[in-house]
C-alpha atoms as a PDB file:
ATOM      1  CA  MET A   1      -0.318   4.086   4.319  1.00  0.00           C
ATOM      2  CA  GLU A   2       1.044   0.864   2.740  1.00  0.00           C
ATOM      3  CA  LEU A   3       4.737   1.178   1.299  1.00  0.00           C
ATOM      4  CA  THR A   4       5.764  -0.281  -1.685  1.00  0.00           C
ATOM      5  CA  VAL A   5       9.253   0.178  -1.074  1.00  0.00           C
ATOM      6  CA  SER A   6      10.513  -2.880   1.649  1.00  0.00           C
ATOM      7  CA  LEU A   7      11.309  -2.092   5.538  1.00  0.00           C
ATOM      8  CA  GLU A   8      14.539  -3.512   4.706  1.00  0.00           C
ATOM      9  CA  THR A   9      15.757  -1.254   2.081  1.00  0.00           C
ATOM     10  CA  VAL A  10      14.640   1.818   4.211  1.00  0.00           C
ATOM     11  CA  CYS A  11      16.498   0.895   6.873  1.00  0.00           C
ATOM     12  CA  ARG A  12      19.559   0.037   4.715  1.00  0.00           C
ATOM     13  CA  LEU A  13      19.397   3.735   3.506  1.00  0.00           C
ATOM     14  CA  ILE A  14      19.312   4.610   6.904  1.00  0.00           C
ATOM     15  CA  ILE A  15      22.472   3.085   7.642  1.00  0.00           C
ATOM     16  CA  ARG A  16      24.231   4.202   4.265  1.00  0.00           C
ATOM     17  CA  ALA A  17      23.144   7.928   4.779  1.00  0.00           C
ATOM     18  CA  ARG A  18      24.326   7.864   8.361  1.00  0.00           C
ATOM     19  CA  GLU A  19      27.965   6.542   7.187  1.00  0.00           C
ATOM     20  CA  PHE A  20      27.382   9.248   4.463  1.00  0.00           C
ATOM     21  CA  GLU A  21      26.649  12.015   7.059  1.00  0.00           C
ATOM     22  CA  ALA A  22      29.307  10.819   9.200  1.00  0.00           C
ATOM     23  CA  GLN A  23      32.060  11.668   6.755  1.00  0.00           C
ATOM     24  CA  VAL A  24      33.887  14.579   6.777  1.00  0.00           C
ATOM     25  CA  PRO A  25      36.526  16.558   4.684  1.00  0.00           C
ATOM     26  CA  ALA A  26      40.236  15.487   5.152  1.00  0.00           C
ATOM     27  CA  ILE A  27      42.196  17.877   7.398  1.00  0.00           C
ATOM     28  CA  GLU A  28      45.556  17.716   5.749  1.00  0.00           C
ATOM     29  CA  ASN A  29      48.580  20.157   6.599  1.00  0.00           C
ATOM     30  CA  ASP A  30      50.618  20.554   3.665  1.00  0.00           C
ATOM     31  CA  ASP A  31      53.036  22.158   5.456  1.00  0.00           C
ATOM     32  CA  GLU A  32      53.711  19.189   7.758  1.00  0.00           C
ATOM     33  CA  GLU A  33      56.554  16.591   6.569  1.00  0.00           C
ATOM     34  CA  GLU A  34      55.467  13.901   8.804  1.00  0.00           C
ATOM     35  CA  PRO A  35      51.556  13.932   9.368  1.00  0.00           C
ATOM     36  CA  GLU A  36      51.130  11.162  12.012  1.00  0.00           C
ATOM     37  CA  ASP A  37      53.136  13.716  14.158  1.00  0.00           C
ATOM     38  CA  SER A  38      49.644  15.976  14.047  1.00  0.00           C
ATOM     39  CA  ASP A  39      49.042  17.858  17.352  1.00  0.00           C
ATOM     40  CA  ASP A  40      45.270  16.331  16.800  1.00  0.00           C
ATOM     41  CA  PRO A  41      44.904  13.094  18.940  1.00  0.00           C
ATOM     42  CA  TYR A  42      41.526  12.853  17.176  1.00  0.00           C
ATOM     43  CA  ALA A  43      42.402  12.753  13.493  1.00  0.00           C
ATOM     44  CA  VAL A  44      42.644   8.900  13.310  1.00  0.00           C
ATOM     45  CA  ILE A  45      39.182   8.546  14.123  1.00  0.00           C
ATOM     46  CA  GLU A  46      37.974  10.951  11.456  1.00  0.00           C
ATOM     47  CA  ASP A  47      35.671   9.226   9.071  1.00  0.00           C
ATOM     48  CA  GLU A  48      36.767  10.880   5.556  1.00  0.00           C
ATOM     49  CA  ALA A  49      35.085  11.513   2.491  1.00  0.00           C
ATOM     50  CA  ASN A  50      34.537   8.340   0.810  1.00  0.00           C
ATOM     51  CA  THR A  51      33.070   8.537  -2.422  1.00  0.00           C
ATOM     52  CA  ALA A  52      32.224   4.920  -2.050  1.00  0.00           C
ATOM     53  CA  ILE A  53      29.653   5.110   0.707  1.00  0.00           C
ATOM     54  CA  GLU A  54      27.829   7.990  -1.896  1.00  0.00           C
ATOM     55  CA  ILE A  55      27.868   5.660  -4.914  1.00  0.00           C
ATOM     56  CA  GLU A  56      26.298   2.779  -2.969  1.00  0.00           C
ATOM     57  CA  LEU A  57      23.379   5.053  -1.763  1.00  0.00           C
ATOM     58  CA  ARG A  58      22.810   6.403  -4.982  1.00  0.00           C
ATOM     59  CA  THR A  59      22.981   2.938  -6.379  1.00  0.00           C
ATOM     60  CA  ILE A  60      20.249   1.852  -4.014  1.00  0.00           C
ATOM     61  CA  LEU A  61      18.237   4.311  -5.042  1.00  0.00           C
ATOM     62  CA  ASP A  62      18.874   4.102  -8.685  1.00  0.00           C
ATOM     63  CA  ASP A  63      17.681   0.451  -8.162  1.00  0.00           C
ATOM     64  CA  LEU A  64      14.288   1.330  -6.806  1.00  0.00           C
ATOM     65  CA  ALA A  65      11.119   1.661  -9.139  1.00  0.00           C
ATOM     66  CA  ASP A  66       9.699   5.000  -9.463  1.00  0.00           C
ATOM     67  CA  ASP A  67       6.902   4.546  -6.661  1.00  0.00           C
ATOM     68  CA  GLU A  68       9.547   2.852  -4.219  1.00  0.00           C
ATOM     69  CA  LEU A  69      11.548   6.107  -4.866  1.00  0.00           C
ATOM     70  CA  ALA A  70       8.481   8.420  -4.186  1.00  0.00           C
ATOM     71  CA  ASP A  71       7.736   6.296  -0.982  1.00  0.00           C
ATOM     72  CA  VAL A  72      11.227   7.081   0.595  1.00  0.00           C
ATOM     73  CA  LEU A  73      11.091  10.707  -0.261  1.00  0.00           C
ATOM     74  CA  ALA A  74       7.708  10.882   1.191  1.00  0.00           C
ATOM     75  CA  LEU A  75       8.927   9.258   4.203  1.00  0.00           C
ATOM     76  CA  ALA A  76      11.732  11.420   4.819  1.00  0.00           C
ATOM     77  CA  LEU A  77       9.538  14.643   4.263  1.00  0.00           C
ATOM     78  CA  VAL A  78       7.111  13.309   6.789  1.00  0.00           C
ATOM     79  CA  GLY A  79      10.347  12.588   8.924  1.00  0.00           C
ATOM     80  CA  ARG A  80      11.586  16.301   8.469  1.00  0.00           C
ATOM     81  CA  GLY A  81       8.049  17.498   9.575  1.00  0.00           C
ATOM     82  CA  THR A  82       7.364  18.977   5.966  1.00  0.00           C
ATOM     83  CA  TYR A  83       4.119  16.872   6.231  1.00  0.00           C
ATOM     84  CA  ASP A  84       2.165  14.879   9.131  1.00  0.00           C
ATOM     85  CA  ALA A  85       1.386  11.249   8.742  1.00  0.00           C
ATOM     86  CA  SER A  86      -2.435  12.116   7.499  1.00  0.00           C
ATOM     87  CA  GLU A  87      -0.698  14.042   4.547  1.00  0.00           C
ATOM     88  CA  TRP A  88       0.761  11.044   3.204  1.00  0.00           C
ATOM     89  CA  GLU A  89      -0.606  11.510  -0.269  1.00  0.00           C
ATOM     90  CA  ASP A  90       0.569  15.026  -0.082  1.00  0.00           C
ATOM     91  CA  ALA A  91       3.768  14.217   0.443  1.00  0.00           C
ATOM     92  CA  LEU A  92       3.890  11.412  -2.058  1.00  0.00           C
ATOM     93  CA  ASP A  93       2.441  14.130  -4.703  1.00  0.00           C
ATOM     94  CA  GLU A  94       5.337  16.464  -3.940  1.00  0.00           C
ATOM     95  CA  ALA A  95       7.754  13.109  -4.041  1.00  0.00           C
ATOM     96  CA  ALA A  96       7.132  12.512  -7.684  1.00  0.00           C
ATOM     97  CA  ASN A  97       9.812  15.472  -8.674  1.00  0.00           C
ATOM     98  CA  ASP A  98      13.833  14.224  -9.073  1.00  0.00           C
ATOM     99  CA  PRO A  99      13.680  12.264  -5.602  1.00  0.00           C
ATOM    100  CA  ILE A 100      16.821  10.855  -5.774  1.00  0.00           C
ATOM    101  CA  GLU A 101      18.843  14.547  -5.971  1.00  0.00           C
ATOM    102  CA  GLU A 102      16.262  15.748  -3.102  1.00  0.00           C
ATOM    103  CA  LEU A 103      17.057  12.766  -0.867  1.00  0.00           C
ATOM    104  CA  LEU A 104      20.870  12.960  -1.607  1.00  0.00           C
ATOM    105  CA  ASP A 105      20.792  16.747  -0.684  1.00  0.00           C
ATOM    106  CA  MET A 106      18.955  16.034   2.687  1.00  0.00           C
ATOM    107  CA  PRO A 107      21.902  16.780   5.100  1.00  0.00           C
ATOM    108  CA  MET A 108      19.815  14.739   8.022  1.00  0.00           C
ATOM    109  CA  LEU A 109      18.319  12.065   5.662  1.00  0.00           C
ATOM    110  CA  SER A 110      18.971   9.058   7.985  1.00  0.00           C
ATOM    111  CA  ALA A 111      17.154  10.944  10.764  1.00  0.00           C
ATOM    112  CA  TYR A 112      14.319  12.431   8.414  1.00  0.00           C
ATOM    113  CA  LEU A 113      13.787   8.341   7.374  1.00  0.00           C
ATOM    114  CA  ASP A 114      14.038   7.223  10.963  1.00  0.00           C
ATOM    115  CA  ALA A 115      11.185   9.748  12.091  1.00  0.00           C
ATOM    116  CA  GLY A 116       9.020   8.617   8.877  1.00  0.00           C
ATOM    117  CA  LEU A 117       8.958   5.559   9.776  1.00  0.00           C
ATOM    118  CA  ALA A 118       7.945   6.222  13.407  1.00  0.00           C
ATOM    119  CA  ALA A 119       5.428   8.409  12.321  1.00  0.00           C
ATOM    120  CA  PHE A 120       3.917   4.996  10.866  1.00  0.00           C
ATOM    121  CA  ASP A 121       4.651   3.015  13.784  1.00  0.00           C
ATOM    122  CA  LEU A 122       7.356   1.387  11.902  1.00  0.00           C
ATOM    123  CA  SER A 123      10.736   0.899  12.638  1.00  0.00           C
ATOM    124  CA  CYS A 124      14.335  -0.819  11.875  1.00  0.00           C
ATOM    125  CA  GLU A 125      14.375  -2.446  15.425  1.00  0.00           C
ATOM    126  CA  GLY A 126      15.009  -6.364  15.050  1.00  0.00           C
ATOM    127  CA  LEU A 127      16.214  -6.061  11.363  1.00  0.00           C
ATOM    128  CA  GLY A 128      19.877  -7.258  11.699  1.00  0.00           C
ATOM    129  CA  GLN A 129      22.002  -4.649  12.199  1.00  0.00           C
ATOM    130  CA  VAL A 130      20.562  -1.656  11.477  1.00  0.00           C
ATOM    131  CA  ASP A 131      20.305   0.137  15.429  1.00  0.00           C
END
């Protein structure tokens, strides 16, 4: 199996997908006059929904060629366990149908891409600030 998409691009997608998956809806109590007096000490570390991360993730995917998109989705399908590494061609065949929306709808995309890379003895280790 040889990827048409660069490993660096897959790793960048993993990073952005992790950021996207870490977001939580804002918890706001409209009844509170001063939200900073909240009883929740962890409220300040919540990573609230930020559309900029989703837009960046979608932009990265939009900029990929069709065969590169198919590779990314096939990696995620292998990582998710839908296919194993020996079924790469079958994963690529399935990946031909609307890959961007399918990728963005995966709740654990970063983990699936990580696992997909590992299935082919690839990783993001040593590629900058990926770990």
